[in-house]
Protein backbone atom coordinates (compact mmCIF):
# COMPACT_ATOMS: atom_id res chain seq x y z
CA UNK A 1 37.80 44.43 27.24
CA UNK A 2 41.56 44.07 26.31
CA UNK A 3 42.82 45.28 22.52
CA UNK A 4 43.84 41.82 22.20
CA UNK A 5 40.28 40.50 23.04
CA UNK A 6 38.89 43.12 20.53
CA UNK A 7 41.59 42.21 17.70
CA UNK A 8 40.96 38.63 18.46
CA UNK A 9 36.94 39.25 17.74
CA UNK A 10 37.56 41.13 14.89
CA UNK A 11 39.53 38.48 13.24
CA UNK A 12 37.14 35.79 14.19
CA UNK A 13 34.33 37.74 12.86
CA UNK A 14 36.40 37.96 9.30
CA UNK A 15 36.82 34.46 9.47
CA UNK A 16 33.25 33.59 10.20
CA UNK A 17 31.99 36.03 7.33
CA UNK A 18 34.42 34.23 4.75
CA UNK A 19 33.37 30.60 6.23
CA UNK A 20 30.01 32.00 5.07
CA UNK A 21 31.23 33.29 1.72
CA UNK A 22 31.03 36.77 2.27
CA UNK A 23 33.93 39.69 2.10
CA UNK A 24 32.70 41.88 5.24
CA UNK A 25 31.34 41.24 8.51
CA UNK A 26 27.75 42.42 10.25
CA UNK A 27 27.07 43.40 13.68
CA UNK A 28 25.54 39.61 14.01
CA UNK A 29 28.84 37.69 13.08
CA UNK A 30 30.30 39.46 16.19
CA UNK A 31 27.70 38.98 18.82
CA UNK A 32 27.81 35.36 17.34
CA UNK A 33 31.00 34.80 18.12
CA UNK A 34 31.19 37.67 21.32
CA UNK A 35 30.99 34.74 24.24
CA UNK A 36 33.02 32.31 22.96
CA UNK A 37 36.17 35.02 22.22
CA UNK A 38 35.61 36.99 25.45
CA UNK A 39 34.18 35.08 27.81
CA UNK A 40 37.09 33.32 29.23
CA UNK A 41 39.02 36.44 29.60
CA UNK A 42 36.61 37.84 32.17
CA UNK A 43 36.19 36.41 35.73
CA UNK A 44 32.93 37.50 37.49
CA UNK A 45 33.85 38.91 41.30
CA UNK A 46 32.08 37.30 44.09
CA UNK A 47 30.76 40.37 45.26
CA UNK A 48 28.96 41.11 41.86
CA UNK A 49 27.12 38.05 41.98
CA UNK A 50 26.11 38.88 45.45
CA UNK A 51 24.64 42.26 44.34
CA UNK A 52 22.65 40.05 42.48
CA UNK A 53 24.04 41.42 38.95
CA UNK A 54 22.05 38.81 36.50
CA UNK A 55 24.63 36.49 35.32
CA UNK A 56 26.74 34.02 37.57
CA UNK A 57 28.93 32.99 34.47
CA UNK A 58 31.27 35.06 32.22
CA UNK A 59 29.43 33.45 29.68
CA UNK A 60 26.29 34.77 30.98
CA UNK A 61 27.51 38.15 31.50
CA UNK A 62 28.98 38.53 27.87
CA UNK A 63 25.66 37.01 26.75
CA UNK A 64 23.97 40.01 28.52
CA UNK A 65 26.08 42.54 27.35
CA UNK A 66 25.53 41.49 23.41
CA UNK A 67 22.07 40.90 23.95
CA UNK A 68 21.59 44.54 25.35
CA UNK A 69 23.79 46.36 22.34
CA UNK A 70 21.43 47.13 19.42
CA UNK A 71 22.86 46.69 15.85
CA UNK A 72 23.03 50.03 14.07
CA UNK A 73 20.75 50.36 10.99
């Protein structure tokens, strides 16, 4: 992920927290916004799709990765 993508995700999570009445972000804000903010920046390669990577679209890939990341406690 590029630095601009991570900055966009960071700012989107801040905006979501603010809209929801919080002055802080929680990991679920990042997970909720990951697909719409990051997916359009990825293009899955045809060879990756043939290898059975599981995710057929960039949205599926980002969602799968976000599901695998554990929220710190």
